[in-house]
Amino acid sequence: MNLIANFAVLASRRTIFDLPVCDLGWDDALVFINELASIPVGQTVVCFVNAHNMLTALRDDEYYRIMSHNLVLPDGIGLNIASQIAHGSPFPANLNGTDFVPAFLTFMEAPRRIGLIGGAPSVVEAAAENFRRHTPWHEFVVVSDGYFDKVDSSAVTEEIERQKLDILIVGMGTPLQEKWVHDNIRADHARLVLTVGALFDFVSGAVPRAPKTVRMMRLEWAYRMMQEPSRLWRRYIIGIPIFLFHVLRYRFQRRERILSQLEEHHTVLQPPSDRKKAS
């Protein structure tokens, strides 16, 4: 890893749609982000990106630009398929936030003061209580539920500043949470920020996880769709094929660009006499 000018630490990455995505294995990712949490300067925002988020980024330039400056972790089978198509191999691990964040909190032995933002009031409070039981050496503070004025967030940011946090976990849905963090959260608010989508719903027990066997088969998306068909059917039944279409199109367009560049490079290297013959 490298420490660069703005104090961001770089991990091994591969690109999907030119967006750098971390390709560390599970253990290496835990070690890496634990080191980030210990750096006393700068700020790292960690995001978890699945196929749906990638499609959103293709349509939303602001979101794409923000994500390109964050540490992006791969979430789900869609990203694995995209990596297989684009790079010839899947990602080493499925670093989805629902599994990774609790594991990271357990792995992180140094006590931290951790703020939570997002979800319904009862949900975020229940999530904080379950986090406290899961990792009692950390201190969890509910900064705010997700129902605050996103245009004028001064009351929330003032509370963050007052709480003197080490880590901030924000669960407000994509791309709202990433845009809000980008616009409102400074390095002195929290050195490490995790944007986690619906994590609080799962940790609180408000929404049940798929059984472990279903998760091991990489079919949690199907389980979730059966739980909330009216909200999620379009994302999975229509969204995943569209995502894979874009992956394939991008793969072939990239190949054509590389071949074109090689041809141009070969032409430049030719002696002038050979160029005339070729023309």
C-alpha atoms as a PDB file:
ATOM      1  CA  MET A   1       0.000   0.000   0.000  1.00  0.00           C
ATOM      2  CA  ASN A   2       1.123   3.586  -0.580  1.00  0.00           C
ATOM      3  CA  LEU A   3       0.657   6.791   1.376  1.00  0.00           C
ATOM      4  CA  ILE A   4       0.037   9.564  -1.167  1.00  0.00           C
ATOM      5  CA  ALA A   5      -0.062  13.339  -0.932  1.00  0.00           C
ATOM      6  CA  ASN A   6      -3.589  13.687   0.444  1.00  0.00           C
ATOM      7  CA  PHE A   7      -2.908  10.956   3.023  1.00  0.00           C
ATOM      8  CA  ALA A   8      -5.258   8.482   1.342  1.00  0.00           C
ATOM      9  CA  VAL A   9      -3.957   4.932   1.520  1.00  0.00           C
ATOM     10  CA  LEU A  10      -4.223   2.885  -1.663  1.00  0.00           C
ATOM     11  CA  ALA A  11      -5.260  -0.767  -1.769  1.00  0.00           C
ATOM     12  CA  SER A  12      -4.996  -3.226  -4.627  1.00  0.00           C
ATOM     13  CA  ARG A  13      -7.798  -2.397  -7.071  1.00  0.00           C
ATOM     14  CA  ARG A  14      -9.320  -3.365 -10.414  1.00  0.00           C
ATOM     15  CA  THR A  15     -11.733  -1.268 -12.458  1.00  0.00           C
ATOM     16  CA  ILE A  16     -15.374  -1.859 -13.364  1.00  0.00           C
ATOM     17  CA  PHE A  17     -16.582   0.807 -15.830  1.00  0.00           C
ATOM     18  CA  ASP A  18     -13.281   2.597 -15.068  1.00  0.00           C
ATOM     19  CA  LEU A  19     -14.309   2.880 -11.402  1.00  0.00           C
ATOM     20  CA  PRO A  20     -11.563   1.472  -9.121  1.00  0.00           C
ATOM     21  CA  VAL A  21     -12.892  -1.326  -6.886  1.00  0.00           C
ATOM     22  CA  CYS A  22     -10.842  -2.864  -4.073  1.00  0.00           C
ATOM     23  CA  ASP A  23      -9.819  -6.448  -4.866  1.00  0.00           C
ATOM     24  CA  LEU A  24      -8.427  -7.527  -1.505  1.00  0.00           C
ATOM     25  CA  GLY A  25      -9.442 -10.807   0.092  1.00  0.00           C
ATOM     26  CA  TRP A  26     -11.529 -10.835   3.254  1.00  0.00           C
ATOM     27  CA  ASP A  27      -8.672 -10.965   5.801  1.00  0.00           C
ATOM     28  CA  ASP A  28      -6.532  -8.424   3.941  1.00  0.00           C
ATOM     29  CA  ALA A  29      -9.493  -6.031   3.699  1.00  0.00           C
ATOM     30  CA  LEU A  30     -10.073  -6.225   7.461  1.00  0.00           C
ATOM     31  CA  VAL A  31      -6.404  -5.509   8.156  1.00  0.00           C
ATOM     32  CA  PHE A  32      -6.301  -2.708   5.596  1.00  0.00           C
ATOM     33  CA  ILE A  33      -9.370  -0.819   6.845  1.00  0.00           C
ATOM     34  CA  ASN A  34      -8.275  -1.314  10.448  1.00  0.00           C
ATOM     35  CA  GLU A  35      -5.044   0.478   9.498  1.00  0.00           C
ATOM     36  CA  LEU A  36      -7.077   3.259   7.900  1.00  0.00           C
ATOM     37  CA  ALA A  37      -8.982   3.706  11.160  1.00  0.00           C
ATOM     38  CA  SER A  38      -5.648   4.265  12.935  1.00  0.00           C
ATOM     39  CA  ILE A  39      -4.304   6.988  10.631  1.00  0.00           C
ATOM     40  CA  PRO A  40      -4.494  10.325  12.513  1.00  0.00           C
ATOM     41  CA  VAL A  41      -4.678  12.483   9.367  1.00  0.00           C
ATOM     42  CA  GLY A  42      -6.949  12.705   6.331  1.00  0.00           C
ATOM     43  CA  GLN A  43     -10.194  10.857   5.788  1.00  0.00           C
ATOM     44  CA  THR A  44     -11.321   7.675   4.049  1.00  0.00           C
ATOM     45  CA  VAL A  45     -14.913   7.036   2.966  1.00  0.00           C
ATOM     46  CA  VAL A  46     -15.682   3.344   2.432  1.00  0.00           C
ATOM     47  CA  CYS A  47     -18.566   2.391   0.116  1.00  0.00           C
ATOM     48  CA  PHE A  48     -20.066  -0.984  -0.770  1.00  0.00           C
ATOM     49  CA  VAL A  49     -21.061  -1.244  -4.425  1.00  0.00           C
ATOM     50  CA  ASN A  50     -23.289  -3.826  -6.091  1.00  0.00           C
ATOM     51  CA  ALA A  51     -24.654  -4.100  -9.629  1.00  0.00           C
ATOM     52  CA  HIS A  52     -27.531  -1.724  -8.868  1.00  0.00           C
ATOM     53  CA  ASN A  53     -25.142   0.921  -7.508  1.00  0.00           C
ATOM     54  CA  MET A  54     -22.949   0.579 -10.601  1.00  0.00           C
ATOM     55  CA  LEU A  55     -25.917   1.178 -12.884  1.00  0.00           C
ATOM     56  CA  THR A  56     -26.801   4.228 -10.794  1.00  0.00           C
ATOM     57  CA  ALA A  57     -23.236   5.516 -11.188  1.00  0.00           C
ATOM     58  CA  LEU A  58     -23.453   5.154 -14.991  1.00  0.00           C
ATOM     59  CA  ARG A  59     -26.541   7.387 -14.994  1.00  0.00           C
ATOM     60  CA  ASP A  60     -25.420   9.834 -12.302  1.00  0.00           C
ATOM     61  CA  ASP A  61     -22.192  11.705 -13.050  1.00  0.00           C
ATOM     62  CA  GLU A  62     -22.016  13.320  -9.614  1.00  0.00           C
ATOM     63  CA  TYR A  63     -22.340   9.970  -7.849  1.00  0.00           C
ATOM     64  CA  TYR A  64     -19.729   8.390 -10.156  1.00  0.00           C
ATOM     65  CA  ARG A  65     -17.297  11.225  -9.482  1.00  0.00           C
ATOM     66  CA  ILE A  66     -17.750  10.935  -5.712  1.00  0.00           C
ATOM     67  CA  MET A  67     -17.306   7.168  -5.794  1.00  0.00           C
ATOM     68  CA  SER A  68     -14.076   7.500  -7.767  1.00  0.00           C
ATOM     69  CA  HIS A  69     -12.568   9.269  -4.740  1.00  0.00           C
ATOM     70  CA  ASN A  70     -13.841   6.739  -2.180  1.00  0.00           C
ATOM     71  CA  LEU A  71     -12.640   3.283  -1.211  1.00  0.00           C
ATOM     72  CA  VAL A  72     -15.099   1.023  -3.036  1.00  0.00           C
ATOM     73  CA  LEU A  73     -15.649  -2.573  -1.895  1.00  0.00           C
ATOM     74  CA  PRO A  74     -17.367  -5.183  -4.128  1.00  0.00           C
ATOM     75  CA  ASP A  75     -20.780  -6.387  -3.000  1.00  0.00           C
ATOM     76  CA  GLY A  76     -22.564  -9.304  -4.611  1.00  0.00           C
ATOM     77  CA  ILE A  77     -22.495 -11.747  -7.470  1.00  0.00           C
ATOM     78  CA  GLY A  78     -23.080  -9.070 -10.132  1.00  0.00           C
ATOM     79  CA  LEU A  79     -19.696  -7.456  -9.430  1.00  0.00           C
ATOM     80  CA  ASN A  80     -18.071 -10.908  -9.518  1.00  0.00           C
ATOM     81  CA  ILE A  81     -19.494 -11.629 -12.964  1.00  0.00           C
ATOM     82  CA  ALA A  82     -18.424  -8.184 -14.175  1.00  0.00           C
ATOM     83  CA  SER A  83     -14.880  -8.788 -12.916  1.00  0.00           C
ATOM     84  CA  GLN A  84     -14.790 -12.207 -14.589  1.00  0.00           C
ATOM     85  CA  ILE A  85     -15.792 -10.627 -17.900  1.00  0.00           C
ATOM     86  CA  ALA A  86     -13.540  -7.586 -17.631  1.00  0.00           C
ATOM     87  CA  HIS A  87     -10.471  -9.092 -15.966  1.00  0.00           C
ATOM     88  CA  GLY A  88     -10.722 -12.853 -16.331  1.00  0.00           C
ATOM     89  CA  SER A  89     -11.312 -13.627 -12.656  1.00  0.00           C
ATOM     90  CA  PRO A  90     -13.866 -12.811  -9.944  1.00  0.00           C
ATOM     91  CA  PHE A  91     -13.107 -10.634  -6.950  1.00  0.00           C
ATOM     92  CA  PRO A  92     -11.282 -12.522  -4.171  1.00  0.00           C
ATOM     93  CA  ALA A  93     -14.137 -11.884  -1.711  1.00  0.00           C
ATOM     94  CA  ASN A  94     -17.706 -10.652  -1.503  1.00  0.00           C
ATOM     95  CA  LEU A  95     -17.148  -7.682   0.821  1.00  0.00           C
ATOM     96  CA  ASN A  96     -20.816  -6.796   1.302  1.00  0.00           C
ATOM     97  CA  GLY A  97     -21.481  -4.299   4.074  1.00  0.00           C
ATOM     98  CA  THR A  98     -24.011  -6.428   5.940  1.00  0.00           C
ATOM     99  CA  ASP A  99     -21.348  -9.038   6.685  1.00  0.00           C
ATOM    100  CA  PHE A 100     -18.222  -6.908   6.536  1.00  0.00           C
ATOM    101  CA  VAL A 101     -19.099  -4.098   8.951  1.00  0.00           C
ATOM    102  CA  PRO A 102     -19.930  -6.331  11.968  1.00  0.00           C
ATOM    103  CA  ALA A 103     -16.825  -8.415  11.187  1.00  0.00           C
ATOM    104  CA  PHE A 104     -14.726  -5.256  10.991  1.00  0.00           C
ATOM    105  CA  LEU A 105     -16.051  -3.960  14.317  1.00  0.00           C
ATOM    106  CA  THR A 106     -15.108  -7.305  15.894  1.00  0.00           C
ATOM    107  CA  PHE A 107     -11.673  -7.345  14.230  1.00  0.00           C
ATOM    108  CA  MET A 108     -10.882  -3.807  15.406  1.00  0.00           C
ATOM    109  CA  GLU A 109      -9.449  -4.378  18.893  1.00  0.00           C
ATOM    110  CA  ALA A 110      -8.699  -0.746  19.752  1.00  0.00           C
ATOM    111  CA  PRO A 111     -11.762   0.869  21.381  1.00  0.00           C
ATOM    112  CA  ARG A 112     -13.395   3.428  19.101  1.00  0.00           C
ATOM    113  CA  ARG A 113     -16.140   6.009  19.451  1.00  0.00           C
ATOM    114  CA  ILE A 114     -18.540   5.285  16.599  1.00  0.00           C
ATOM    115  CA  GLY A 115     -21.461   7.405  15.439  1.00  0.00           C
ATOM    116  CA  LEU A 116     -24.551   6.098  13.629  1.00  0.00           C
ATOM    117  CA  ILE A 117     -26.765   8.056  11.228  1.00  0.00           C
ATOM    118  CA  GLY A 118     -29.745   6.736   9.275  1.00  0.00           C
ATOM    119  CA  GLY A 119     -32.846   4.576   9.365  1.00  0.00           C
ATOM    120  CA  ALA A 120     -36.021   5.006  11.360  1.00  0.00           C
ATOM    121  CA  PRO A 121     -35.556   6.191  14.977  1.00  0.00           C
ATOM    122  CA  SER A 122     -36.415   2.819  16.513  1.00  0.00           C
ATOM    123  CA  VAL A 123     -34.279   0.970  13.948  1.00  0.00           C
ATOM    124  CA  VAL A 124     -31.062   2.940  14.471  1.00  0.00           C
ATOM    125  CA  GLU A 125     -31.480   2.746  18.274  1.00  0.00           C
ATOM    126  CA  ALA A 126     -31.959  -1.029  18.103  1.00  0.00           C
ATOM    127  CA  ALA A 127     -28.976  -1.336  15.771  1.00  0.00           C
ATOM    128  CA  ALA A 128     -26.808   0.638  18.213  1.00  0.00           C
ATOM    129  CA  GLU A 129     -27.893  -1.617  21.070  1.00  0.00           C
ATOM    130  CA  ASN A 130     -27.066  -4.761  19.096  1.00  0.00           C
ATOM    131  CA  PHE A 131     -23.691  -3.311  18.106  1.00  0.00           C
ATOM    132  CA  ARG A 132     -22.986  -2.640  21.802  1.00  0.00           C
ATOM    133  CA  ARG A 133     -23.775  -6.254  22.676  1.00  0.00           C
ATOM    134  CA  HIS A 134     -21.714  -7.510  19.740  1.00  0.00           C
ATOM    135  CA  THR A 135     -18.625  -5.367  20.464  1.00  0.00           C
ATOM    136  CA  PRO A 136     -18.901  -3.904  23.991  1.00  0.00           C
ATOM    137  CA  TRP A 137     -15.387  -2.412  23.897  1.00  0.00           C
ATOM    138  CA  HIS A 138     -16.539   0.180  21.349  1.00  0.00           C
ATOM    139  CA  GLU A 139     -18.764   3.123  22.222  1.00  0.00           C
ATOM    140  CA  PHE A 140     -21.747   3.612  19.896  1.00  0.00           C
ATOM    141  CA  VAL A 141     -23.549   6.942  19.648  1.00  0.00           C
ATOM    142  CA  VAL A 142     -26.787   7.512  17.726  1.00  0.00           C
ATOM    143  CA  VAL A 143     -26.175  10.881  16.118  1.00  0.00           C
ATOM    144  CA  SER A 144     -29.443  11.018  14.167  1.00  0.00           C
ATOM    145  CA  ASP A 145     -32.031   8.897  12.430  1.00  0.00           C
ATOM    146  CA  GLY A 146     -32.316   9.301   8.667  1.00  0.00           C
ATOM    147  CA  TYR A 147     -35.259  11.695   8.777  1.00  0.00           C
ATOM    148  CA  PHE A 148     -33.529  15.061   8.941  1.00  0.00           C
ATOM    149  CA  ASP A 149     -33.269  17.996   6.544  1.00  0.00           C
ATOM    150  CA  LYS A 150     -30.672  16.971   3.952  1.00  0.00           C
ATOM    151  CA  VAL A 151     -30.532  20.510   2.550  1.00  0.00           C
ATOM    152  CA  ASP A 152     -29.648  22.119   5.888  1.00  0.00           C
ATOM    153  CA  SER A 153     -27.853  19.480   7.963  1.00  0.00           C
ATOM    154  CA  SER A 154     -26.143  21.908  10.339  1.00  0.00           C
ATOM    155  CA  ALA A 155     -27.840  20.462  13.437  1.00  0.00           C
ATOM    156  CA  VAL A 156     -26.578  16.982  12.558  1.00  0.00           C
ATOM    157  CA  THR A 157     -23.043  18.078  11.687  1.00  0.00           C
ATOM    158  CA  GLU A 158     -22.853  20.133  14.892  1.00  0.00           C
ATOM    159  CA  GLU A 159     -23.845  17.025  16.867  1.00  0.00           C
ATOM    160  CA  ILE A 160     -21.184  15.002  15.047  1.00  0.00           C
ATOM    161  CA  GLU A 161     -18.603  17.624  15.953  1.00  0.00           C
ATOM    162  CA  ARG A 162     -19.734  17.631  19.582  1.00  0.00           C
ATOM    163  CA  GLN A 163     -19.485  13.830  19.868  1.00  0.00           C
ATOM    164  CA  LYS A 164     -15.759  13.661  18.906  1.00  0.00           C
ATOM    165  CA  LEU A 165     -16.122  10.503  16.823  1.00  0.00           C
ATOM    166  CA  ASP A 166     -13.449   8.193  15.481  1.00  0.00           C
ATOM    167  CA  ILE A 167     -15.717   6.462  12.954  1.00  0.00           C
ATOM    168  CA  LEU A 168     -19.039   7.418  11.386  1.00  0.00           C
ATOM    169  CA  ILE A 169     -21.456   4.844   9.929  1.00  0.00           C
ATOM    170  CA  VAL A 170     -24.092   6.307   7.601  1.00  0.00           C
ATOM    171  CA  GLY A 171     -27.054   4.270   6.339  1.00  0.00           C
ATOM    172  CA  MET A 172     -29.372   6.368   4.190  1.00  0.00           C
ATOM    173  CA  GLY A 173     -29.425   4.530   0.860  1.00  0.00           C
ATOM    174  CA  THR A 174     -27.483   5.036  -2.346  1.00  0.00           C
ATOM    175  CA  PRO A 175     -26.636   7.538  -3.802  1.00  0.00           C
ATOM    176  CA  LEU A 176     -28.050   9.882  -1.127  1.00  0.00           C
ATOM    177  CA  GLN A 177     -25.668   8.744   1.614  1.00  0.00           C
ATOM    178  CA  GLU A 178     -22.508   9.142  -0.489  1.00  0.00           C
ATOM    179  CA  LYS A 179     -23.553  12.578  -1.741  1.00  0.00           C
ATOM    180  CA  TRP A 180     -24.504  13.717   1.754  1.00  0.00           C
ATOM    181  CA  VAL A 181     -21.200  12.533   3.240  1.00  0.00           C
ATOM    182  CA  HIS A 182     -19.270  14.211   0.427  1.00  0.00           C
ATOM    183  CA  ASP A 183     -21.071  17.526   0.984  1.00  0.00           C
ATOM    184  CA  ASN A 184     -21.188  17.565   4.794  1.00  0.00           C
ATOM    185  CA  ILE A 185     -18.620  15.362   6.549  1.00  0.00           C
ATOM    186  CA  ARG A 186     -15.112  16.702   7.075  1.00  0.00           C
ATOM    187  CA  ALA A 187     -11.995  14.875   8.202  1.00  0.00           C
ATOM    188  CA  ASP A 188     -12.252  16.416  11.672  1.00  0.00           C
ATOM    189  CA  HIS A 189     -15.774  14.953  11.982  1.00  0.00           C
ATOM    190  CA  ALA A 190     -14.497  11.381  11.496  1.00  0.00           C
ATOM    191  CA  ARG A 191     -11.331   9.953   9.950  1.00  0.00           C
ATOM    192  CA  LEU A 192     -13.168   6.861   8.709  1.00  0.00           C
ATOM    193  CA  VAL A 193     -16.697   6.915   7.268  1.00  0.00           C
ATOM    194  CA  LEU A 194     -18.640   3.796   6.234  1.00  0.00           C
ATOM    195  CA  THR A 195     -21.706   4.210   3.988  1.00  0.00           C
ATOM    196  CA  VAL A 196     -23.819   1.118   4.559  1.00  0.00           C
ATOM    197  CA  GLY A 197     -27.265   1.373   2.943  1.00  0.00           C
ATOM    198  CA  ALA A 198     -29.806  -0.804   4.746  1.00  0.00           C
ATOM    199  CA  LEU A 199     -27.357  -2.275   7.280  1.00  0.00           C
ATOM    200  CA  PHE A 200     -29.241  -0.902  10.304  1.00  0.00           C
ATOM    201  CA  ASP A 201     -32.413  -2.684   9.164  1.00  0.00           C
ATOM    202  CA  PHE A 202     -30.569  -6.018   9.285  1.00  0.00           C
ATOM    203  CA  VAL A 203     -28.566  -5.392  12.476  1.00  0.00           C
ATOM    204  CA  SER A 204     -31.672  -4.208  14.342  1.00  0.00           C
ATOM    205  CA  GLY A 205     -33.647  -7.269  13.240  1.00  0.00           C
ATOM    206  CA  ALA A 206     -36.269  -5.138  11.467  1.00  0.00           C
ATOM    207  CA  VAL A 207     -35.480  -7.020   8.224  1.00  0.00           C
ATOM    208  CA  PRO A 208     -34.365 -10.672   8.514  1.00  0.00           C
ATOM    209  CA  ARG A 209     -31.252 -11.899   6.703  1.00  0.00           C
ATOM    210  CA  ALA A 210     -31.433 -14.823   4.318  1.00  0.00           C
ATOM    211  CA  PRO A 211     -30.532 -18.188   5.891  1.00  0.00           C
ATOM    212  CA  LYS A 212     -26.816 -18.931   5.888  1.00  0.00           C
ATOM    213  CA  THR A 213     -27.162 -21.675   3.259  1.00  0.00           C
ATOM    214  CA  VAL A 214     -28.885 -19.226   0.903  1.00  0.00           C
ATOM    215  CA  ARG A 215     -26.121 -16.660   1.464  1.00  0.00           C
ATOM    216  CA  MET A 216     -23.427 -19.274   0.803  1.00  0.00           C
ATOM    217  CA  MET A 217     -25.131 -20.075  -2.512  1.00  0.00           C
ATOM    218  CA  ARG A 218     -24.928 -16.334  -3.377  1.00  0.00           C
ATOM    219  CA  LEU A 219     -28.732 -16.156  -3.639  1.00  0.00           C
ATOM    220  CA  GLU A 220     -29.491 -13.587  -0.971  1.00  0.00           C
ATOM    221  CA  TRP A 221     -30.681 -11.235  -3.707  1.00  0.00           C
ATOM    222  CA  ALA A 222     -33.449 -13.733  -4.573  1.00  0.00           C
ATOM    223  CA  TYR A 223     -34.423 -14.073  -0.898  1.00  0.00           C
ATOM    224  CA  ARG A 224     -34.627 -10.297  -0.536  1.00  0.00           C
ATOM    225  CA  MET A 225     -36.702 -10.004  -3.704  1.00  0.00           C
ATOM    226  CA  MET A 226     -39.202 -12.522  -2.311  1.00  0.00           C
ATOM    227  CA  GLN A 227     -39.400 -10.460   0.884  1.00  0.00           C
ATOM    228  CA  GLU A 228     -39.988  -7.151  -0.921  1.00  0.00           C
ATOM    229  CA  PRO A 229     -41.123  -8.025  -4.470  1.00  0.00           C
ATOM    230  CA  SER A 230     -42.862  -4.727  -5.230  1.00  0.00           C
ATOM    231  CA  ARG A 231     -39.719  -2.732  -4.383  1.00  0.00           C
ATOM    232  CA  LEU A 232     -36.966  -5.039  -5.607  1.00  0.00           C
ATOM    233  CA  TRP A 233     -38.249  -7.044  -8.581  1.00  0.00           C
ATOM    234  CA  ARG A 234     -37.308  -4.362 -11.103  1.00  0.00           C
ATOM    235  CA  ARG A 235     -33.823  -3.973  -9.567  1.00  0.00           C
ATOM    236  CA  TYR A 236     -33.016  -7.681  -9.984  1.00  0.00           C
ATOM    237  CA  ILE A 237     -35.160  -9.044 -12.832  1.00  0.00           C
ATOM    238  CA  ILE A 238     -34.548  -6.075 -15.117  1.00  0.00           C
ATOM    239  CA  GLY A 239     -31.516  -4.387 -13.533  1.00  0.00           C
ATOM    240  CA  ILE A 240     -29.088  -7.330 -13.514  1.00  0.00           C
ATOM    241  CA  PRO A 241     -29.481  -8.155 -17.261  1.00  0.00           C
ATOM    242  CA  ILE A 242     -29.078  -4.456 -18.080  1.00  0.00           C
ATOM    243  CA  PHE A 243     -25.958  -4.329 -15.919  1.00  0.00           C
ATOM    244  CA  LEU A 244     -24.453  -7.382 -17.650  1.00  0.00           C
ATOM    245  CA  PHE A 245     -25.283  -5.877 -21.057  1.00  0.00           C
ATOM    246  CA  HIS A 246     -23.320  -2.745 -20.114  1.00  0.00           C
ATOM    247  CA  VAL A 247     -20.429  -4.880 -18.827  1.00  0.00           C
ATOM    248  CA  LEU A 248     -20.205  -6.772 -22.108  1.00  0.00           C
ATOM    249  CA  ARG A 249     -20.583  -3.627 -24.201  1.00  0.00           C
ATOM    250  CA  TYR A 250     -17.893  -1.871 -22.199  1.00  0.00           C
ATOM    251  CA  ARG A 251     -15.596  -4.911 -22.497  1.00  0.00           C
ATOM    252  CA  PHE A 252     -15.818  -4.925 -26.294  1.00  0.00           C
ATOM    253  CA  GLN A 253     -15.561  -1.144 -26.593  1.00  0.00           C
ATOM    254  CA  ARG A 254     -12.452  -1.221 -24.403  1.00  0.00           C
ATOM    255  CA  ARG A 255     -10.940  -3.972 -26.563  1.00  0.00           C
ATOM    256  CA  GLU A 256     -11.596  -1.933 -29.710  1.00  0.00           C
ATOM    257  CA  ARG A 257      -9.986   1.154 -28.125  1.00  0.00           C
ATOM    258  CA  ILE A 258      -6.880  -0.843 -27.179  1.00  0.00           C
ATOM    259  CA  LEU A 259      -6.571  -2.312 -30.692  1.00  0.00           C
ATOM    260  CA  SER A 260      -7.014   1.146 -32.199  1.00  0.00           C
ATOM    261  CA  GLN A 261      -4.317   2.592 -29.918  1.00  0.00           C
ATOM    262  CA  LEU A 262      -1.937  -0.257 -30.787  1.00  0.00           C
ATOM    263  CA  GLU A 263      -2.539   0.367 -34.491  1.00  0.00           C
ATOM    264  CA  GLU A 264      -1.864   4.089 -34.084  1.00  0.00           C
ATOM    265  CA  HIS A 265       1.279   3.339 -32.084  1.00  0.00           C
ATOM    266  CA  HIS A 266       2.504   0.932 -34.773  1.00  0.00           C
ATOM    267  CA  THR A 267       1.895   3.586 -37.467  1.00  0.00           C
ATOM    268  CA  VAL A 268       3.881   6.200 -35.517  1.00  0.00           C
ATOM    269  CA  LEU A 269       6.816   3.779 -35.154  1.00  0.00           C
ATOM    270  CA  GLN A 270       6.939   2.972 -38.864  1.00  0.00           C
ATOM    271  CA  PRO A 271       9.655   4.701 -40.941  1.00  0.00           C
ATOM    272  CA  PRO A 272       8.213   7.442 -43.212  1.00  0.00           C
ATOM    273  CA  SER A 273       8.904   5.345 -46.338  1.00  0.00           C
ATOM    274  CA  ASP A 274       6.887   2.430 -44.925  1.00  0.00           C
ATOM    275  CA  ARG A 275       4.020   4.748 -44.032  1.00  0.00           C
ATOM    276  CA  LYS A 276       3.843   5.936 -47.651  1.00  0.00           C
ATOM    277  CA  LYS A 277       3.776   2.335 -48.901  1.00  0.00           C
ATOM    278  CA  ALA A 278       1.055   1.459 -46.398  1.00  0.00           C
ATOM    279  CA  SER A 279      -1.023   4.401 -47.610  1.00  0.00           C
END
